[in-house]
Amino acid sequence: MKITLLAMLGLFLGVIGGAALGVGAGIAWVEIFKTSGFEGYSGMLVFFTFMPLGAAIGGLGGALLFAVIAMRDAQIAVERAPAQRRNS
C-alpha cells in the first residue's frame, strides 16, 4: 500500500514538474530556433508538443523513482528493539 501511494505521489509530482520543464524547454526551443509566431504557431508548438512530452516523461520518471525509494525502504528498514528496563 505504501509503495502504491508513493508511486502515485511521484506520478503526480512528476507530471507537474515535467510539464513545467517541458514548457521551459519549448520556450527555449522557440527562442533558439526562431520559430514563427504566425497565428500562434510557436505557442501551439510549446503547449501541444513540449508540455505533454515533458509531463509524460516526468510522470513516468517520478512514479518509478518514488516506487524504487519505497521498495528499498521496505527492504532495508531496520526497527530498533524496544529498550529493556533495568531493574536495579
PDB file of N, CA and C in Angstrom:
ATOM      1  N   MET A   1       0.828  -1.186   0.000  1.00  0.00           N
ATOM      2  CA  MET A   1       0.000   0.000   0.000  1.00  0.00           C
ATOM      3  C   MET A   1       0.881   1.263   0.000  1.00  0.00           C
ATOM      4  N   LYS A   2       1.929   1.221   0.822  1.00  0.00           N
ATOM      5  CA  LYS A   2       2.827   2.370   0.920  1.00  0.00           C
ATOM      6  C   LYS A   2       3.516   2.612  -0.416  1.00  0.00           C
ATOM      7  N   ILE A   3       3.931   1.536  -1.071  1.00  0.00           N
ATOM      8  CA  ILE A   3       4.622   1.666  -2.355  1.00  0.00           C
ATOM      9  C   ILE A   3       3.681   2.274  -3.392  1.00  0.00           C
ATOM     10  N   THR A   4       2.440   1.832  -3.411  1.00  0.00           N
ATOM     11  CA  THR A   4       1.462   2.347  -4.366  1.00  0.00           C
ATOM     12  C   THR A   4       1.184   3.822  -4.130  1.00  0.00           C
ATOM     13  N   LEU A   5       0.995   4.204  -2.880  1.00  0.00           N
ATOM     14  CA  LEU A   5       0.724   5.605  -2.575  1.00  0.00           C
ATOM     15  C   LEU A   5       1.914   6.495  -2.933  1.00  0.00           C
ATOM     16  N   LEU A   6       3.112   6.045  -2.642  1.00  0.00           N
ATOM     17  CA  LEU A   6       4.282   6.835  -3.000  1.00  0.00           C
ATOM     18  C   LEU A   6       4.467   6.901  -4.513  1.00  0.00           C
ATOM     19  N   ALA A   7       4.147   5.830  -5.217  1.00  0.00           N
ATOM     20  CA  ALA A   7       4.229   5.853  -6.682  1.00  0.00           C
ATOM     21  C   ALA A   7       3.213   6.838  -7.258  1.00  0.00           C
ATOM     22  N   MET A   8       2.014   6.879  -6.682  1.00  0.00           N
ATOM     23  CA  MET A   8       1.004   7.842  -7.136  1.00  0.00           C
ATOM     24  C   MET A   8       1.443   9.273  -6.854  1.00  0.00           C
ATOM     25  N   LEU A   9       2.038   9.494  -5.693  1.00  0.00           N
ATOM     26  CA  LEU A   9       2.553  10.821  -5.368  1.00  0.00           C
ATOM     27  C   LEU A   9       3.669  11.205  -6.341  1.00  0.00           C
ATOM     28  N   GLY A  10       4.541  10.266  -6.641  1.00  0.00           N
ATOM     29  CA  GLY A  10       5.607  10.509  -7.602  1.00  0.00           C
ATOM     30  C   GLY A  10       5.064  10.810  -8.987  1.00  0.00           C
ATOM     31  N   LEU A  11       4.015  10.102  -9.379  1.00  0.00           N
ATOM     32  CA  LEU A  11       3.383  10.347 -10.666  1.00  0.00           C
ATOM     33  C   LEU A  11       2.829  11.764 -10.715  1.00  0.00           C
ATOM     34  N   PHE A  12       2.113  12.159  -9.686  1.00  0.00           N
ATOM     35  CA  PHE A  12       1.507  13.497  -9.633  1.00  0.00           C
ATOM     36  C   PHE A  12       2.570  14.588  -9.669  1.00  0.00           C
ATOM     37  N   LEU A  13       3.567  14.465  -8.811  1.00  0.00           N
ATOM     38  CA  LEU A  13       4.623  15.477  -8.773  1.00  0.00           C
ATOM     39  C   LEU A  13       5.455  15.466 -10.057  1.00  0.00           C
ATOM     40  N   GLY A  14       5.684  14.292 -10.605  1.00  0.00           N
ATOM     41  CA  GLY A  14       6.437  14.188 -11.841  1.00  0.00           C
ATOM     42  C   GLY A  14       5.729  14.821 -13.024  1.00  0.00           C
ATOM     43  N   VAL A  15       4.411  14.656 -13.083  1.00  0.00           N
ATOM     44  CA  VAL A  15       3.642  15.261 -14.170  1.00  0.00           C
ATOM     45  C   VAL A  15       3.710  16.779 -14.079  1.00  0.00           C
ATOM     46  N   ILE A  16       3.531  17.309 -12.889  1.00  0.00           N
ATOM     47  CA  ILE A  16       3.566  18.766 -12.729  1.00  0.00           C
ATOM     48  C   ILE A  16       4.964  19.306 -13.045  1.00  0.00           C
ATOM     49  N   GLY A  17       5.981  18.681 -12.471  1.00  0.00           N
ATOM     50  CA  GLY A  17       7.349  19.130 -12.724  1.00  0.00           C
ATOM     51  C   GLY A  17       7.766  18.950 -14.175  1.00  0.00           C
ATOM     52  N   GLY A  18       7.400  17.827 -14.765  1.00  0.00           N
ATOM     53  CA  GLY A  18       7.741  17.567 -16.157  1.00  0.00           C
ATOM     54  C   GLY A  18       7.053  18.525 -17.114  1.00  0.00           C
ATOM     55  N   ALA A  19       5.797  18.856 -16.824  1.00  0.00           N
ATOM     56  CA  ALA A  19       5.087  19.821 -17.673  1.00  0.00           C
ATOM     57  C   ALA A  19       5.740  21.199 -17.590  1.00  0.00           C
ATOM     58  N   ALA A  20       6.136  21.591 -16.388  1.00  0.00           N
ATOM     59  CA  ALA A  20       6.803  22.889 -16.228  1.00  0.00           C
ATOM     60  C   ALA A  20       8.141  22.902 -16.973  1.00  0.00           C
ATOM     61  N   LEU A  21       8.903  21.815 -16.848  1.00  0.00           N
ATOM     62  CA  LEU A  21      10.172  21.740 -17.578  1.00  0.00           C
ATOM     63  C   LEU A  21       9.947  21.669 -19.090  1.00  0.00           C
ATOM     64  N   GLY A  22       8.876  21.009 -19.499  1.00  0.00           N
ATOM     65  CA  GLY A  22       8.543  20.944 -20.921  1.00  0.00           C
ATOM     66  C   GLY A  22       8.201  22.311 -21.490  1.00  0.00           C
ATOM     67  N   VAL A  23       7.454  23.099 -20.730  1.00  0.00           N
ATOM     68  CA  VAL A  23       7.142  24.459 -21.180  1.00  0.00           C
ATOM     69  C   VAL A  23       8.427  25.278 -21.287  1.00  0.00           C
ATOM     70  N   GLY A  24       9.300  25.150 -20.284  1.00  0.00           N
ATOM     71  CA  GLY A  24      10.573  25.865 -20.335  1.00  0.00           C
ATOM     72  C   GLY A  24      11.418  25.452 -21.524  1.00  0.00           C
ATOM     73  N   ALA A  25      11.484  24.156 -21.786  1.00  0.00           N
ATOM     74  CA  ALA A  25      12.248  23.661 -22.938  1.00  0.00           C
ATOM     75  C   ALA A  25      11.619  24.130 -24.246  1.00  0.00           C
ATOM     76  N   GLY A  26      10.300  24.156 -24.297  1.00  0.00           N
ATOM     77  CA  GLY A  26       9.616  24.622 -25.503  1.00  0.00           C
ATOM     78  C   GLY A  26       9.857  26.092 -25.777  1.00  0.00           C
ATOM     79  N   ILE A  27       9.817  26.896 -24.725  1.00  0.00           N
ATOM     80  CA  ILE A  27      10.093  28.326 -24.900  1.00  0.00           C
ATOM     81  C   ILE A  27      11.538  28.529 -25.337  1.00  0.00           C
ATOM     82  N   ALA A  28      12.449  27.768 -24.753  1.00  0.00           N
ATOM     83  CA  ALA A  28      13.850  27.860 -25.178  1.00  0.00           C
ATOM     84  C   ALA A  28      13.991  27.458 -26.643  1.00  0.00           C
ATOM     85  N   TRP A  29      13.308  26.397 -27.063  1.00  0.00           N
ATOM     86  CA  TRP A  29      13.360  25.943 -28.452  1.00  0.00           C
ATOM     87  C   TRP A  29      12.878  27.052 -29.395  1.00  0.00           C
ATOM     88  N   VAL A  30      11.760  27.666 -29.038  1.00  0.00           N
ATOM     89  CA  VAL A  30      11.189  28.723 -29.866  1.00  0.00           C
ATOM     90  C   VAL A  30      12.160  29.893 -29.995  1.00  0.00           C
ATOM     91  N   GLU A  31      12.810  30.249 -28.891  1.00  0.00           N
ATOM     92  CA  GLU A  31      13.745  31.375 -28.926  1.00  0.00           C
ATOM     93  C   GLU A  31      15.036  31.031 -29.673  1.00  0.00           C
ATOM     94  N   ILE A  32      15.568  29.849 -29.449  1.00  0.00           N
ATOM     95  CA  ILE A  32      16.836  29.474 -30.081  1.00  0.00           C
ATOM     96  C   ILE A  32      16.678  29.288 -31.586  1.00  0.00           C
ATOM     97  N   PHE A  33      15.631  28.588 -31.992  1.00  0.00           N
ATOM     98  CA  PHE A  33      15.458  28.272 -33.407  1.00  0.00           C
ATOM     99  C   PHE A  33      14.541  29.249 -34.137  1.00  0.00           C
ATOM    100  N   LYS A  34      14.183  30.353 -33.483  1.00  0.00           N
ATOM    101  CA  LYS A  34      13.390  31.432 -34.101  1.00  0.00           C
ATOM    102  C   LYS A  34      12.152  30.899 -34.809  1.00  0.00           C
ATOM    103  N   THR A  35      11.360  30.115 -34.078  1.00  0.00           N
ATOM    104  CA  THR A  35      10.134  29.541 -34.628  1.00  0.00           C
ATOM    105  C   THR A  35       9.136  30.654 -34.914  1.00  0.00           C
ATOM    106  N   SER A  36       8.446  30.532 -36.019  1.00  0.00           N
ATOM    107  CA  SER A  36       7.479  31.548 -36.433  1.00  0.00           C
ATOM    108  C   SER A  36       6.350  31.660 -35.420  1.00  0.00           C
ATOM    109  N   GLY A  37       5.922  32.885 -35.182  1.00  0.00           N
ATOM    110  CA  GLY A  37       4.796  33.118 -34.288  1.00  0.00           C
ATOM    111  C   GLY A  37       3.512  33.377 -35.042  1.00  0.00           C
ATOM    112  N   PHE A  38       3.521  33.102 -36.333  1.00  0.00           N
ATOM    113  CA  PHE A  38       2.357  33.357 -37.174  1.00  0.00           C
ATOM    114  C   PHE A  38       1.165  32.535 -36.698  1.00  0.00           C
ATOM    115  N   GLU A  39       0.068  33.211 -36.411  1.00  0.00           N
ATOM    116  CA  GLU A  39      -1.179  32.611 -35.932  1.00  0.00           C
ATOM    117  C   GLU A  39      -0.972  31.698 -34.721  1.00  0.00           C
ATOM    118  N   GLY A  40      -0.033  32.050 -33.868  1.00  0.00           N
ATOM    119  CA  GLY A  40       0.168  31.307 -32.629  1.00  0.00           C
ATOM    120  C   GLY A  40       0.881  29.986 -32.793  1.00  0.00           C
ATOM    121  N   TYR A  41       1.615  29.824 -33.882  1.00  0.00           N
ATOM    122  CA  TYR A  41       2.287  28.548 -34.134  1.00  0.00           C
ATOM    123  C   TYR A  41       3.271  28.201 -33.021  1.00  0.00           C
ATOM    124  N   SER A  42       4.046  29.180 -32.576  1.00  0.00           N
ATOM    125  CA  SER A  42       5.043  28.887 -31.542  1.00  0.00           C
ATOM    126  C   SER A  42       4.378  28.489 -30.224  1.00  0.00           C
ATOM    127  N   GLY A  43       3.268  29.121 -29.882  1.00  0.00           N
ATOM    128  CA  GLY A  43       2.543  28.751 -28.663  1.00  0.00           C
ATOM    129  C   GLY A  43       1.952  27.355 -28.751  1.00  0.00           C
ATOM    130  N   MET A  44       1.400  27.023 -29.907  1.00  0.00           N
ATOM    131  CA  MET A  44       0.854  25.672 -30.086  1.00  0.00           C
ATOM    132  C   MET A  44       1.949  24.628 -30.028  1.00  0.00           C
ATOM    133  N   LEU A  45       3.118  24.954 -30.578  1.00  0.00           N
ATOM    134  CA  LEU A  45       4.247  24.027 -30.516  1.00  0.00           C
ATOM    135  C   LEU A  45       4.626  23.743 -29.069  1.00  0.00           C
ATOM    136  N   VAL A  46       4.698  24.787 -28.270  1.00  0.00           N
ATOM    137  CA  VAL A  46       5.084  24.617 -26.868  1.00  0.00           C
ATOM    138  C   VAL A  46       4.029  23.833 -26.098  1.00  0.00           C
ATOM    139  N   PHE A  47       2.765  24.235 -26.197  1.00  0.00           N
ATOM    140  CA  PHE A  47       1.738  23.648 -25.348  1.00  0.00           C
ATOM    141  C   PHE A  47       1.139  22.347 -25.866  1.00  0.00           C
ATOM    142  N   PHE A  48       1.301  22.049 -27.148  1.00  0.00           N
ATOM    143  CA  PHE A  48       0.775  20.788 -27.659  1.00  0.00           C
ATOM    144  C   PHE A  48       1.858  19.756 -27.939  1.00  0.00           C
ATOM    145  N   THR A  49       3.124  20.143 -27.861  1.00  0.00           N
ATOM    146  CA  THR A  49       4.210  19.194 -28.103  1.00  0.00           C
ATOM    147  C   THR A  49       5.105  19.043 -26.883  1.00  0.00           C
ATOM    148  N   PHE A  50       5.718  20.128 -26.472  1.00  0.00           N
ATOM    149  CA  PHE A  50       6.708  20.050 -25.402  1.00  0.00           C
ATOM    150  C   PHE A  50       6.081  19.791 -24.034  1.00  0.00           C
ATOM    151  N   MET A  51       4.957  20.434 -23.722  1.00  0.00           N
ATOM    152  CA  MET A  51       4.350  20.240 -22.411  1.00  0.00           C
ATOM    153  C   MET A  51       3.848  18.805 -22.212  1.00  0.00           C
ATOM    154  N   PRO A  52       3.115  18.211 -23.156  1.00  0.00           N
ATOM    155  CA  PRO A  52       2.693  16.815 -22.947  1.00  0.00           C
ATOM    156  C   PRO A  52       3.860  15.829 -22.887  1.00  0.00           C
ATOM    157  N   LEU A  53       4.888  16.052 -23.720  1.00  0.00           N
ATOM    158  CA  LEU A  53       6.056  15.166 -23.659  1.00  0.00           C
ATOM    159  C   LEU A  53       6.747  15.275 -22.306  1.00  0.00           C
ATOM    160  N   GLY A  54       6.928  16.494 -21.823  1.00  0.00           N
ATOM    161  CA  GLY A  54       7.549  16.691 -20.512  1.00  0.00           C
ATOM    162  C   GLY A  54       6.721  16.073 -19.396  1.00  0.00           C
ATOM    163  N   ALA A  55       5.396  16.228 -19.485  1.00  0.00           N
ATOM    164  CA  ALA A  55       4.522  15.656 -18.457  1.00  0.00           C
ATOM    165  C   ALA A  55       4.584  14.132 -18.457  1.00  0.00           C
ATOM    166  N   ALA A  56       4.603  13.522 -19.631  1.00  0.00           N
ATOM    167  CA  ALA A  56       4.659  12.056 -19.715  1.00  0.00           C
ATOM    168  C   ALA A  56       5.982  11.527 -19.181  1.00  0.00           C
ATOM    169  N   ILE A  57       7.071  12.138 -19.602  1.00  0.00           N
ATOM    170  CA  ILE A  57       8.388  11.679 -19.149  1.00  0.00           C
ATOM    171  C   ILE A  57       8.551  11.927 -17.652  1.00  0.00           C
ATOM    172  N   GLY A  58       8.129  13.101 -17.195  1.00  0.00           N
ATOM    173  CA  GLY A  58       8.224  13.410 -15.766  1.00  0.00           C
ATOM    174  C   GLY A  58       7.348  12.519 -14.911  1.00  0.00           C
ATOM    175  N   GLY A  59       6.150  12.212 -15.391  1.00  0.00           N
ATOM    176  CA  GLY A  59       5.252  11.331 -14.637  1.00  0.00           C
ATOM    177  C   GLY A  59       5.807   9.933 -14.477  1.00  0.00           C
ATOM    178  N   LEU A  60       6.305   9.371 -15.574  1.00  0.00           N
ATOM    179  CA  LEU A  60       6.896   8.028 -15.501  1.00  0.00           C
ATOM    180  C   LEU A  60       8.144   8.025 -14.622  1.00  0.00           C
ATOM    181  N   GLY A  61       8.979   9.031 -14.803  1.00  0.00           N
ATOM    182  CA  GLY A  61      10.204   9.107 -14.002  1.00  0.00           C
ATOM    183  C   GLY A  61       9.921   9.293 -12.525  1.00  0.00           C
ATOM    184  N   GLY A  62       8.982  10.165 -12.201  1.00  0.00           N
ATOM    185  CA  GLY A  62       8.635  10.395 -10.797  1.00  0.00           C
ATOM    186  C   GLY A  62       8.028   9.168 -10.147  1.00  0.00           C
ATOM    187  N   ALA A  63       7.123   8.496 -10.864  1.00  0.00           N
ATOM    188  CA  ALA A  63       6.498   7.293 -10.310  1.00  0.00           C
ATOM    189  C   ALA A  63       7.537   6.197 -10.080  1.00  0.00           C
ATOM    190  N   LEU A  64       8.414   5.995 -11.049  1.00  0.00           N
ATOM    191  CA  LEU A  64       9.447   4.968 -10.883  1.00  0.00           C
ATOM    192  C   LEU A  64      10.413   5.314  -9.754  1.00  0.00           C
ATOM    193  N   LEU A  65      10.809   6.573  -9.684  1.00  0.00           N
ATOM    194  CA  LEU A  65      11.733   6.992  -8.640  1.00  0.00           C
ATOM    195  C   LEU A  65      11.132   6.790  -7.249  1.00  0.00           C
ATOM    196  N   PHE A  66       9.910   7.245  -7.047  1.00  0.00           N
ATOM    197  CA  PHE A  66       9.284   7.108  -5.729  1.00  0.00           C
ATOM    198  C   PHE A  66       8.999   5.644  -5.402  1.00  0.00           C
ATOM    199  N   ALA A  67       8.635   4.833  -6.409  1.00  0.00           N
ATOM    200  CA  ALA A  67       8.390   3.413  -6.159  1.00  0.00           C
ATOM    201  C   ALA A  67       9.674   2.702  -5.757  1.00  0.00           C
ATOM    202  N   VAL A  68      10.775   3.012  -6.423  1.00  0.00           N
ATOM    203  CA  VAL A  68      12.061   2.389  -6.081  1.00  0.00           C
ATOM    204  C   VAL A  68      12.480   2.798  -4.669  1.00  0.00           C
ATOM    205  N   ILE A  69      12.307   4.061  -4.343  1.00  0.00           N
ATOM    206  CA  ILE A  69      12.648   4.521  -2.993  1.00  0.00           C
ATOM    207  C   ILE A  69      11.793   3.803  -1.954  1.00  0.00           C
ATOM    208  N   ALA A  70      10.502   3.641  -2.228  1.00  0.00           N
ATOM    209  CA  ALA A  70       9.611   2.966  -1.277  1.00  0.00           C
ATOM    210  C   ALA A  70       9.972   1.491  -1.139  1.00  0.00           C
ATOM    211  N   MET A  71      10.325   0.827  -2.238  1.00  0.00           N
ATOM    212  CA  MET A  71      10.690  -0.592  -2.169  1.00  0.00           C
ATOM    213  C   MET A  71      11.993  -0.785  -1.408  1.00  0.00           C
ATOM    214  N   ARG A  72      12.956   0.088  -1.644  1.00  0.00           N
ATOM    215  CA  ARG A  72      14.222  -0.025  -0.923  1.00  0.00           C
ATOM    216  C   ARG A  72      14.021   0.221   0.566  1.00  0.00           C
ATOM    217  N   ASP A  73      13.168   1.167   0.895  1.00  0.00           N
ATOM    218  CA  ASP A  73      12.890   1.453   2.296  1.00  0.00           C
ATOM    219  C   ASP A  73      12.259   0.239   2.977  1.00  0.00           C
ATOM    220  N   ALA A  74      11.400  -0.465   2.251  1.00  0.00           N
ATOM    221  CA  ALA A  74      10.757  -1.650   2.822  1.00  0.00           C
ATOM    222  C   ALA A  74      11.764  -2.782   3.006  1.00  0.00           C
ATOM    223  N   GLN A  75      12.776  -2.865   2.142  1.00  0.00           N
ATOM    224  CA  GLN A  75      13.752  -3.941   2.222  1.00  0.00           C
ATOM    225  C   GLN A  75      14.781  -3.708   3.318  1.00  0.00           C
ATOM    226  N   ILE A  76      15.224  -2.470   3.493  1.00  0.00           N
ATOM    227  CA  ILE A  76      16.319  -2.218   4.420  1.00  0.00           C
ATOM    228  C   ILE A  76      15.878  -1.529   5.707  1.00  0.00           C
ATOM    229  N   ALA A  77      14.585  -1.406   5.896  1.00  0.00           N
ATOM    230  CA  ALA A  77      14.119  -0.756   7.113  1.00  0.00           C
ATOM    231  C   ALA A  77      14.528  -1.596   8.323  1.00  0.00           C
ATOM    232  N   VAL A  78      15.150  -0.955   9.255  1.00  0.00           N
ATOM    233  CA  VAL A  78      15.600  -1.642  10.457  1.00  0.00           C
ATOM    234  C   VAL A  78      14.867  -1.026  11.639  1.00  0.00           C
ATOM    235  N   GLU A  79      14.161  -1.876  12.355  1.00  0.00           N
ATOM    236  CA  GLU A  79      13.450  -1.392  13.528  1.00  0.00           C
ATOM    237  C   GLU A  79      14.283  -1.712  14.756  1.00  0.00           C
ATOM    238  N   ARG A  80      14.336  -0.748  15.611  1.00  0.00           N
ATOM    239  CA  ARG A  80      15.062  -0.968  16.851  1.00  0.00           C
ATOM    240  C   ARG A  80      14.204  -1.786  17.810  1.00  0.00           C
ATOM    241  N   ALA A  81      14.875  -2.636  18.529  1.00  0.00           N
ATOM    242  CA  ALA A  81      14.173  -3.396  19.551  1.00  0.00           C
ATOM    243  C   ALA A  81      13.864  -2.450  20.703  1.00  0.00           C
ATOM    244  N   PRO A  82      12.742  -2.645  21.360  1.00  0.00           N
ATOM    245  CA  PRO A  82      12.427  -1.761  22.481  1.00  0.00           C
ATOM    246  C   PRO A  82      13.501  -1.853  23.557  1.00  0.00           C
ATOM    247  N   ALA A  83      13.806  -0.725  24.136  1.00  0.00           N
ATOM    248  CA  ALA A  83      14.839  -0.697  25.170  1.00  0.00           C
ATOM    249  C   ALA A  83      14.373  -1.494  26.379  1.00  0.00           C
ATOM    250  N   GLN A  84      15.271  -2.272  26.935  1.00  0.00           N
ATOM    251  CA  GLN A  84      14.950  -3.086  28.108  1.00  0.00           C
ATOM    252  C   GLN A  84      15.138  -2.267  29.365  1.00  0.00           C
ATOM    253  N   ARG A  85      14.216  -2.408  30.284  1.00  0.00           N
ATOM    254  CA  ARG A  85      14.332  -1.705  31.549  1.00  0.00           C
ATOM    255  C   ARG A  85      15.296  -2.412  32.459  1.00  0.00           C
ATOM    256  N   ARG A  86      16.008  -1.627  33.218  1.00  0.00           N
ATOM    257  CA  ARG A  86      16.910  -2.207  34.206  1.00  0.00           C
ATOM    258  C   ARG A  86      16.217  -2.175  35.551  1.00  0.00           C
ATOM    259  N   ASN A  87      16.141  -3.312  36.151  1.00  0.00           N
ATOM    260  CA  ASN A  87      15.545  -3.389  37.497  1.00  0.00           C
ATOM    261  C   ASN A  87      16.670  -3.398  38.509  1.00  0.00           C
ATOM    262  N   SER A  88      17.041  -2.234  38.995  1.00  0.00           N
ATOM    263  CA  SER A  88      18.123  -2.180  39.980  1.00  0.00           C
ATOM    264  C   SER A  88      17.589  -2.016  41.364  1.00  0.00           C
TER     265      SER A  88
END
